[in-house]
Amino acid sequence: MTITVEDGSIVTGANSYVTEAELTAYAIARGTSLTGDPEELLIKAMDYLESLEFKGITIDKDQPLQWPRYQVMLDGWWVDTDEIPQLLKDSQCEVAIAIDDDQDPLENIARVKMKETVGPISVEYAQGQATTIVRKINNKLKKLLKNSGTGGISFIVDRG
């Protein structure tokens, strides 16, 4: 599959927000060298990004990806309706790097079963599983997502 980059103009067949060269340069700038195929990493990263619920509304009901969007405000400024935010591009790179580092956020987690037998009694149960949270991904995405993990309403208290 070939990478087709969404530039904000609703590109037919778009499947990425960044090029393979941009991913490679992003990784190198952070002291990381990719071991996997950049094209494959970008496609897998898009699978994750497309599973998320972003702020705003898509521009066209038939656009291939969730961006561009309208009614999105970042840091008090409206995002242009033909803009792909740098945070989103960086997020795709962070997800791709995490996948390359065997930390795929969409990977299934195997359930480990334990069985204990004491005399005539046997008990089988699932052992708790832990998922890896890649903070770099969360930090990049939090401003773009509808529910950014604040868990409620934010407000300022003025004791003036």
C-alpha atoms as a PDB file:
ATOM      1  CA  MET A   1       0.000   0.000   0.000  1.00  0.00           C
ATOM      2  CA  THR A   2       1.198   3.509  -0.776  1.00  0.00           C
ATOM      3  CA  ILE A   3       1.008   6.344   1.729  1.00  0.00           C
ATOM      4  CA  THR A   4      -1.384   9.084   0.592  1.00  0.00           C
ATOM      5  CA  VAL A   5      -1.138  12.133   2.838  1.00  0.00           C
ATOM      6  CA  GLU A   6      -4.147  14.195   3.912  1.00  0.00           C
ATOM      7  CA  ASP A   7      -3.163  17.854   3.597  1.00  0.00           C
ATOM      8  CA  GLY A   8      -6.451  19.409   4.703  1.00  0.00           C
ATOM      9  CA  SER A   9      -8.084  19.447   1.276  1.00  0.00           C
ATOM     10  CA  ILE A  10      -9.867  16.083   1.773  1.00  0.00           C
ATOM     11  CA  VAL A  11      -7.523  14.022  -0.384  1.00  0.00           C
ATOM     12  CA  THR A  12      -9.144  11.010  -2.064  1.00  0.00           C
ATOM     13  CA  GLY A  13      -7.711   7.788  -0.654  1.00  0.00           C
ATOM     14  CA  ALA A  14      -5.788   9.535   2.121  1.00  0.00           C
ATOM     15  CA  ASN A  15      -4.415   7.094   4.702  1.00  0.00           C
ATOM     16  CA  SER A  16      -1.906   9.171   6.679  1.00  0.00           C
ATOM     17  CA  TYR A  17      -1.215  12.654   8.007  1.00  0.00           C
ATOM     18  CA  VAL A  18       2.561  12.374   7.531  1.00  0.00           C
ATOM     19  CA  THR A  19       4.946  10.963   4.954  1.00  0.00           C
ATOM     20  CA  GLU A  20       7.425   8.169   5.573  1.00  0.00           C
ATOM     21  CA  ALA A  21      10.236  10.745   5.386  1.00  0.00           C
ATOM     22  CA  GLU A  22       8.517  12.903   8.035  1.00  0.00           C
ATOM     23  CA  LEU A  23       8.166   9.891  10.349  1.00  0.00           C
ATOM     24  CA  THR A  24      11.821   8.972   9.901  1.00  0.00           C
ATOM     25  CA  ALA A  25      12.962  12.572  10.516  1.00  0.00           C
ATOM     26  CA  TYR A  26      10.707  12.830  13.614  1.00  0.00           C
ATOM     27  CA  ALA A  27      12.193   9.630  15.042  1.00  0.00           C
ATOM     28  CA  ILE A  28      15.796  10.650  14.307  1.00  0.00           C
ATOM     29  CA  ALA A  29      15.233  14.066  15.920  1.00  0.00           C
ATOM     30  CA  ARG A  30      14.281  12.205  19.107  1.00  0.00           C
ATOM     31  CA  GLY A  31      17.230   9.824  19.059  1.00  0.00           C
ATOM     32  CA  THR A  32      15.229   6.855  17.779  1.00  0.00           C
ATOM     33  CA  SER A  33      15.927   4.753  14.727  1.00  0.00           C
ATOM     34  CA  LEU A  34      13.036   2.770  13.291  1.00  0.00           C
ATOM     35  CA  THR A  35      13.482  -0.954  12.758  1.00  0.00           C
ATOM     36  CA  GLY A  36      10.160  -1.542  11.001  1.00  0.00           C
ATOM     37  CA  ASP A  37       8.851  -0.407   7.628  1.00  0.00           C
ATOM     38  CA  PRO A  38       7.764   3.258   7.974  1.00  0.00           C
ATOM     39  CA  GLU A  39       4.816   2.733   5.606  1.00  0.00           C
ATOM     40  CA  GLU A  40       3.475  -0.176   7.673  1.00  0.00           C
ATOM     41  CA  LEU A  41       4.054   1.705  10.933  1.00  0.00           C
ATOM     42  CA  LEU A  42       2.129   4.737   9.639  1.00  0.00           C
ATOM     43  CA  ILE A  43      -0.828   2.610   8.515  1.00  0.00           C
ATOM     44  CA  LYS A  44      -0.975   0.860  11.898  1.00  0.00           C
ATOM     45  CA  ALA A  45      -0.701   4.213  13.676  1.00  0.00           C
ATOM     46  CA  MET A  46      -3.651   5.474  11.610  1.00  0.00           C
ATOM     47  CA  ASP A  47      -5.689   2.450  12.698  1.00  0.00           C
ATOM     48  CA  TYR A  48      -5.251   3.681  16.253  1.00  0.00           C
ATOM     49  CA  LEU A  49      -5.879   7.367  15.515  1.00  0.00           C
ATOM     50  CA  GLU A  50      -9.029   6.572  13.549  1.00  0.00           C
ATOM     51  CA  SER A  51     -10.403   4.684  16.579  1.00  0.00           C
ATOM     52  CA  LEU A  52     -10.409   7.873  18.669  1.00  0.00           C
ATOM     53  CA  GLU A  53     -13.117  10.485  19.143  1.00  0.00           C
ATOM     54  CA  PHE A  54     -11.765  13.906  18.240  1.00  0.00           C
ATOM     55  CA  LYS A  55     -13.140  17.358  19.015  1.00  0.00           C
ATOM     56  CA  GLY A  56     -15.217  19.047  16.346  1.00  0.00           C
ATOM     57  CA  ILE A  57     -17.012  17.688  13.306  1.00  0.00           C
ATOM     58  CA  THR A  58     -15.692  16.282  10.039  1.00  0.00           C
ATOM     59  CA  ILE A  59     -15.909  18.656   7.065  1.00  0.00           C
ATOM     60  CA  ASP A  60     -17.484  16.130   4.695  1.00  0.00           C
ATOM     61  CA  LYS A  61     -19.410  12.963   5.522  1.00  0.00           C
ATOM     62  CA  ASP A  62     -17.466  11.051   2.858  1.00  0.00           C
ATOM     63  CA  GLN A  63     -13.917  12.152   3.750  1.00  0.00           C
ATOM     64  CA  PRO A  64     -11.551   9.181   4.172  1.00  0.00           C
ATOM     65  CA  LEU A  65     -10.076  10.263   7.539  1.00  0.00           C
ATOM     66  CA  GLN A  66     -11.355  12.095  10.604  1.00  0.00           C
ATOM     67  CA  TRP A  67      -9.404  15.250   9.760  1.00  0.00           C
ATOM     68  CA  PRO A  68      -9.829  17.976   8.579  1.00  0.00           C
ATOM     69  CA  ARG A  69     -12.501  19.114  11.037  1.00  0.00           C
ATOM     70  CA  TYR A  70     -14.312  22.256  11.997  1.00  0.00           C
ATOM     71  CA  GLN A  71     -15.294  23.660  15.387  1.00  0.00           C
ATOM     72  CA  VAL A  72     -11.959  22.658  16.934  1.00  0.00           C
ATOM     73  CA  MET A  73     -10.246  25.058  19.307  1.00  0.00           C
ATOM     74  CA  LEU A  74      -6.649  24.534  20.445  1.00  0.00           C
ATOM     75  CA  ASP A  75      -5.128  26.776  23.101  1.00  0.00           C
ATOM     76  CA  GLY A  76      -7.826  29.385  22.562  1.00  0.00           C
ATOM     77  CA  TRP A  77      -7.457  29.514  18.774  1.00  0.00           C
ATOM     78  CA  TRP A  78      -9.758  28.014  16.156  1.00  0.00           C
ATOM     79  CA  VAL A  79      -8.135  25.403  13.914  1.00  0.00           C
ATOM     80  CA  ASP A  80      -8.662  26.288  10.252  1.00  0.00           C
ATOM     81  CA  THR A  81     -11.035  23.928   8.471  1.00  0.00           C
ATOM     82  CA  ASP A  82      -8.337  23.031   5.948  1.00  0.00           C
ATOM     83  CA  GLU A  83      -5.620  22.488   8.559  1.00  0.00           C
ATOM     84  CA  ILE A  84      -4.094  19.272   9.871  1.00  0.00           C
ATOM     85  CA  PRO A  85      -2.750  20.264  13.311  1.00  0.00           C
ATOM     86  CA  GLN A  86       0.925  19.608  13.971  1.00  0.00           C
ATOM     87  CA  LEU A  87      -0.132  17.893  17.218  1.00  0.00           C
ATOM     88  CA  LEU A  88      -2.031  15.322  15.150  1.00  0.00           C
ATOM     89  CA  LYS A  89       0.944  14.738  12.870  1.00  0.00           C
ATOM     90  CA  ASP A  90       3.240  14.384  15.880  1.00  0.00           C
ATOM     91  CA  SER A  91       0.725  12.007  17.468  1.00  0.00           C
ATOM     92  CA  GLN A  92       0.773   9.740  14.433  1.00  0.00           C
ATOM     93  CA  CYS A  93       4.572   9.687  14.606  1.00  0.00           C
ATOM     94  CA  GLU A  94       4.529   8.881  18.343  1.00  0.00           C
ATOM     95  CA  VAL A  95       2.078   6.013  17.796  1.00  0.00           C
ATOM     96  CA  ALA A  96       4.196   4.665  14.929  1.00  0.00           C
ATOM     97  CA  ILE A  97       7.337   4.802  17.096  1.00  0.00           C
ATOM     98  CA  ALA A  98       5.513   3.040  19.949  1.00  0.00           C
ATOM     99  CA  ILE A  99       4.351   0.297  17.570  1.00  0.00           C
ATOM    100  CA  ASP A 100       7.922  -0.077  16.325  1.00  0.00           C
ATOM    101  CA  ASP A 101       8.935  -0.485  19.979  1.00  0.00           C
ATOM    102  CA  ASP A 102       6.379  -3.334  20.494  1.00  0.00           C
ATOM    103  CA  GLN A 103       3.926  -1.064  22.331  1.00  0.00           C
ATOM    104  CA  ASP A 104       0.996  -1.176  19.902  1.00  0.00           C
ATOM    105  CA  PRO A 105      -1.982   0.513  21.607  1.00  0.00           C
ATOM    106  CA  LEU A 106      -4.405  -1.695  19.628  1.00  0.00           C
ATOM    107  CA  GLU A 107      -2.674  -5.004  20.318  1.00  0.00           C
ATOM    108  CA  ASN A 108      -4.749  -7.681  22.016  1.00  0.00           C
ATOM    109  CA  ILE A 109      -3.652  -8.577  25.507  1.00  0.00           C
ATOM    110  CA  ALA A 110      -3.526 -12.289  26.198  1.00  0.00           C
ATOM    111  CA  ARG A 111      -5.393 -13.437  29.272  1.00  0.00           C
ATOM    112  CA  VAL A 112      -3.230 -15.524  31.578  1.00  0.00           C
ATOM    113  CA  LYS A 113      -5.051 -18.268  33.458  1.00  0.00           C
ATOM    114  CA  MET A 114      -3.817 -19.687  36.709  1.00  0.00           C
ATOM    115  CA  LYS A 115      -4.886 -22.993  38.176  1.00  0.00           C
ATOM    116  CA  GLU A 116      -4.325 -24.055  41.737  1.00  0.00           C
ATOM    117  CA  THR A 117      -5.171 -27.389  43.246  1.00  0.00           C
ATOM    118  CA  VAL A 118      -5.227 -28.061  46.950  1.00  0.00           C
ATOM    119  CA  GLY A 119      -6.308 -31.589  47.743  1.00  0.00           C
ATOM    120  CA  PRO A 120      -9.609 -32.330  45.999  1.00  0.00           C
ATOM    121  CA  ILE A 121     -10.310 -28.618  45.263  1.00  0.00           C
ATOM    122  CA  SER A 122      -9.211 -26.907  42.033  1.00  0.00           C
ATOM    123  CA  VAL A 123      -9.595 -23.234  41.285  1.00  0.00           C
ATOM    124  CA  GLU A 124      -8.934 -21.591  37.925  1.00  0.00           C
ATOM    125  CA  TYR A 125      -8.856 -17.808  37.543  1.00  0.00           C
ATOM    126  CA  ALA A 126      -7.509 -15.111  35.267  1.00  0.00           C
ATOM    127  CA  GLN A 127      -4.508 -13.205  36.469  1.00  0.00           C
ATOM    128  CA  GLY A 128      -4.725  -9.422  36.185  1.00  0.00           C
ATOM    129  CA  GLN A 129      -3.215  -7.877  33.086  1.00  0.00           C
ATOM    130  CA  ALA A 130      -1.478  -4.553  32.722  1.00  0.00           C
ATOM    131  CA  THR A 131      -1.393  -2.470  29.578  1.00  0.00           C
ATOM    132  CA  THR A 132       1.439  -0.165  28.697  1.00  0.00           C
ATOM    133  CA  ILE A 133       0.414   3.467  28.561  1.00  0.00           C
ATOM    134  CA  VAL A 134       2.653   5.448  26.274  1.00  0.00           C
ATOM    135  CA  ARG A 135       2.564   8.902  27.858  1.00  0.00           C
ATOM    136  CA  LYS A 136       4.067  10.561  24.797  1.00  0.00           C
ATOM    137  CA  ILE A 137       1.013   9.547  22.770  1.00  0.00           C
ATOM    138  CA  ASN A 138      -1.426  10.716  25.446  1.00  0.00           C
ATOM    139  CA  ASN A 139       0.389  14.038  25.860  1.00  0.00           C
ATOM    140  CA  LYS A 140       0.220  14.762  22.133  1.00  0.00           C
ATOM    141  CA  LEU A 141      -3.432  13.765  21.734  1.00  0.00           C
ATOM    142  CA  LYS A 142      -5.044  15.215  24.860  1.00  0.00           C
ATOM    143  CA  LYS A 143      -5.801  18.623  23.337  1.00  0.00           C
ATOM    144  CA  LEU A 144      -7.381  17.057  20.245  1.00  0.00           C
ATOM    145  CA  LEU A 145      -9.718  14.540  21.877  1.00  0.00           C
ATOM    146  CA  LYS A 146     -13.293  15.151  23.025  1.00  0.00           C
ATOM    147  CA  ASN A 147     -12.660  13.508  26.384  1.00  0.00           C
ATOM    148  CA  SER A 148      -9.075  14.307  27.179  1.00  0.00           C
ATOM    149  CA  GLY A 149      -9.120  12.508  30.485  1.00  0.00           C
ATOM    150  CA  THR A 150     -10.006  15.452  32.691  1.00  0.00           C
ATOM    151  CA  GLY A 151     -12.953  13.458  34.015  1.00  0.00           C
ATOM    152  CA  GLY A 152     -15.281  16.411  34.332  1.00  0.00           C
ATOM    153  CA  ILE A 153     -15.747  20.121  33.959  1.00  0.00           C
ATOM    154  CA  SER A 154     -12.814  22.483  34.330  1.00  0.00           C
ATOM    155  CA  PHE A 155     -13.329  25.906  35.866  1.00  0.00           C
ATOM    156  CA  ILE A 156     -11.347  28.678  37.535  1.00  0.00           C
ATOM    157  CA  VAL A 157     -11.839  29.515  41.216  1.00  0.00           C
ATOM    158  CA  ASP A 158     -11.172  33.160  42.023  1.00  0.00           C
ATOM    159  CA  ARG A 159     -10.884  33.936  45.736  1.00  0.00           C
ATOM    160  CA  GLY A 160     -10.331  37.658  45.068  1.00  0.00           C
END
